C-alpha atoms as a PDB file:
ATOM      1  CA  UNK A   1      14.538   2.225  14.699  1.00  0.00           C
ATOM      2  CA  UNK A   2      15.333   0.363  11.580  1.00  0.00           C
ATOM      3  CA  UNK A   3      15.023   3.150   9.015  1.00  0.00           C
ATOM      4  CA  UNK A   4      12.045   1.495   7.302  1.00  0.00           C
ATOM      5  CA  UNK A   5       8.327   1.417   7.972  1.00  0.00           C
ATOM      6  CA  UNK A   6       5.343  -0.469   6.606  1.00  0.00           C
ATOM      7  CA  UNK A   7       2.149   1.397   5.881  1.00  0.00           C
ATOM      8  CA  UNK A   8      -1.198   0.162   4.433  1.00  0.00           C
ATOM      9  CA  UNK A   9      -2.339   2.617   1.782  1.00  0.00           C
ATOM     10  CA  UNK A  10      -6.005   2.647   0.863  1.00  0.00           C
ATOM     11  CA  UNK A  11      -7.221   4.488  -2.338  1.00  0.00           C
ATOM     12  CA  UNK A  12     -10.817   5.444  -2.832  1.00  0.00           C
ATOM     13  CA  UNK A  13     -13.016   6.163  -5.842  1.00  0.00           C
ATOM     14  CA  UNK A  14     -11.269   7.777  -8.731  1.00  0.00           C
ATOM     15  CA  UNK A  15      -7.846   7.578  -7.104  1.00  0.00           C
ATOM     16  CA  UNK A  16      -7.927   3.888  -7.766  1.00  0.00           C
ATOM     17  CA  UNK A  17      -7.946   4.521 -11.547  1.00  0.00           C
ATOM     18  CA  UNK A  18      -4.791   2.998 -13.088  1.00  0.00           C
ATOM     19  CA  UNK A  19      -3.830   1.222  -9.873  1.00  0.00           C
ATOM     20  CA  UNK A  20      -3.879  -2.503  -9.534  1.00  0.00           C
ATOM     21  CA  UNK A  21      -5.538  -2.570  -6.117  1.00  0.00           C
ATOM     22  CA  UNK A  22      -7.388  -0.311  -3.826  1.00  0.00           C
ATOM     23  CA  UNK A  23      -5.108  -1.239  -0.945  1.00  0.00           C
ATOM     24  CA  UNK A  24      -1.420  -1.666  -0.972  1.00  0.00           C
ATOM     25  CA  UNK A  25       1.204  -2.322   1.733  1.00  0.00           C
ATOM     26  CA  UNK A  26       4.198  -0.023   1.104  1.00  0.00           C
ATOM     27  CA  UNK A  27       7.718  -0.311   2.721  1.00  0.00           C
ATOM     28  CA  UNK A  28       8.976   3.271   3.097  1.00  0.00           C
ATOM     29  CA  UNK A  29      11.869   5.011   4.661  1.00  0.00           C
ATOM     30  CA  UNK A  30      11.345   6.342   8.191  1.00  0.00           C
ATOM     31  CA  UNK A  31      10.129   9.849   8.330  1.00  0.00           C
ATOM     32  CA  UNK A  32       8.143   9.609   5.096  1.00  0.00           C
ATOM     33  CA  UNK A  33       5.102  11.904   5.012  1.00  0.00           C
ATOM     34  CA  UNK A  34       1.870  11.797   2.966  1.00  0.00           C
ATOM     35  CA  UNK A  35       3.263  14.098   0.332  1.00  0.00           C
ATOM     36  CA  UNK A  36       6.056  11.478  -0.341  1.00  0.00           C
ATOM     37  CA  UNK A  37       3.504   8.718  -0.624  1.00  0.00           C
ATOM     38  CA  UNK A  38       1.367  10.698  -3.072  1.00  0.00           C
ATOM     39  CA  UNK A  39       4.479  11.422  -5.177  1.00  0.00           C
ATOM     40  CA  UNK A  40       5.591   7.759  -5.143  1.00  0.00           C
ATOM     41  CA  UNK A  41       2.155   6.487  -6.185  1.00  0.00           C
ATOM     42  CA  UNK A  42       2.101   9.209  -8.889  1.00  0.00           C
ATOM     43  CA  UNK A  43      -1.231  10.819  -7.537  1.00  0.00           C
ATOM     44  CA  UNK A  44      -1.265  14.586  -8.038  1.00  0.00           C
ATOM     45  CA  UNK A  45      -1.879  16.142  -4.735  1.00  0.00           C
ATOM     46  CA  UNK A  46      -4.693  18.412  -6.136  1.00  0.00           C
ATOM     47  CA  UNK A  47      -6.645  15.141  -6.858  1.00  0.00           C
ATOM     48  CA  UNK A  48      -6.603  14.213  -3.135  1.00  0.00           C
ATOM     49  CA  UNK A  49      -9.294  16.004  -1.148  1.00  0.00           C
ATOM     50  CA  UNK A  50      -9.177  14.033   2.118  1.00  0.00           C
ATOM     51  CA  UNK A  51      -6.298  12.337   4.046  1.00  0.00           C
ATOM     52  CA  UNK A  52      -6.847  10.047   6.972  1.00  0.00           C
ATOM     53  CA  UNK A  53      -4.257   8.268   9.070  1.00  0.00           C
ATOM     54  CA  UNK A  54      -5.634   5.522  11.372  1.00  0.00           C
ATOM     55  CA  UNK A  55      -9.094   7.096  10.848  1.00  0.00           C
ATOM     56  CA  UNK A  56      -8.150  10.594  11.853  1.00  0.00           C
ATOM     57  CA  UNK A  57      -7.943  13.583   9.563  1.00  0.00           C
ATOM     58  CA  UNK A  58      -4.296  14.376   8.583  1.00  0.00           C
ATOM     59  CA  UNK A  59      -2.324  16.738   6.419  1.00  0.00           C
ATOM     60  CA  UNK A  60       0.188  16.151   3.648  1.00  0.00           C
ATOM     61  CA  UNK A  61       3.191  17.080   5.756  1.00  0.00           C
ATOM     62  CA  UNK A  62       2.341  14.487   8.524  1.00  0.00           C
ATOM     63  CA  UNK A  63       4.976  11.818   9.004  1.00  0.00           C
ATOM     64  CA  UNK A  64       3.810   8.218   8.942  1.00  0.00           C
ATOM     65  CA  UNK A  65       4.649   5.678  11.500  1.00  0.00           C
ATOM     66  CA  UNK A  66       5.263   1.926  11.165  1.00  0.00           C
ATOM     67  CA  UNK A  67       1.822   0.135  10.952  1.00  0.00           C
ATOM     68  CA  UNK A  68      -0.200   3.292  10.043  1.00  0.00           C
ATOM     69  CA  UNK A  69      -3.249   2.938   7.752  1.00  0.00           C
ATOM     70  CA  UNK A  70      -3.345   5.754   5.270  1.00  0.00           C
ATOM     71  CA  UNK A  71      -6.543   6.478   3.394  1.00  0.00           C
ATOM     72  CA  UNK A  72      -6.726   8.839   0.453  1.00  0.00           C
ATOM     73  CA  UNK A  73      -9.981  10.225  -0.984  1.00  0.00           C
ATOM     74  CA  UNK A  74     -10.687  12.412  -3.990  1.00  0.00           C
ATOM     75  CA  UNK A  75     -13.318  15.112  -3.909  1.00  0.00           C
ATOM     76  CA  UNK A  76     -16.668  13.333  -4.204  1.00  0.00           C
ATOM     77  CA  UNK A  77     -19.854  15.076  -5.393  1.00  0.00           C
ATOM     78  CA  UNK A  78     -23.308  13.879  -4.812  1.00  0.00           C
ATOM     79  CA  UNK A  79     -26.796  15.274  -4.598  1.00  0.00           C
END
């Protein structure tokens, strides 16, 4: 284990606001969780409604692994 991991982060809808891209590859320290990524990207956790890691529902305290794909979604209304 090298102490660093690479994770692809995908932002959707209003979470993209103020960000240069909807997808970013981040190099993070090992044992980084979703909460840490939200903080690093300056996204308030109360704006994130759904979290997926590699296409599966996840929680904020779940640790990320090298090569993971993290998707963050805000609450989206429709009708």
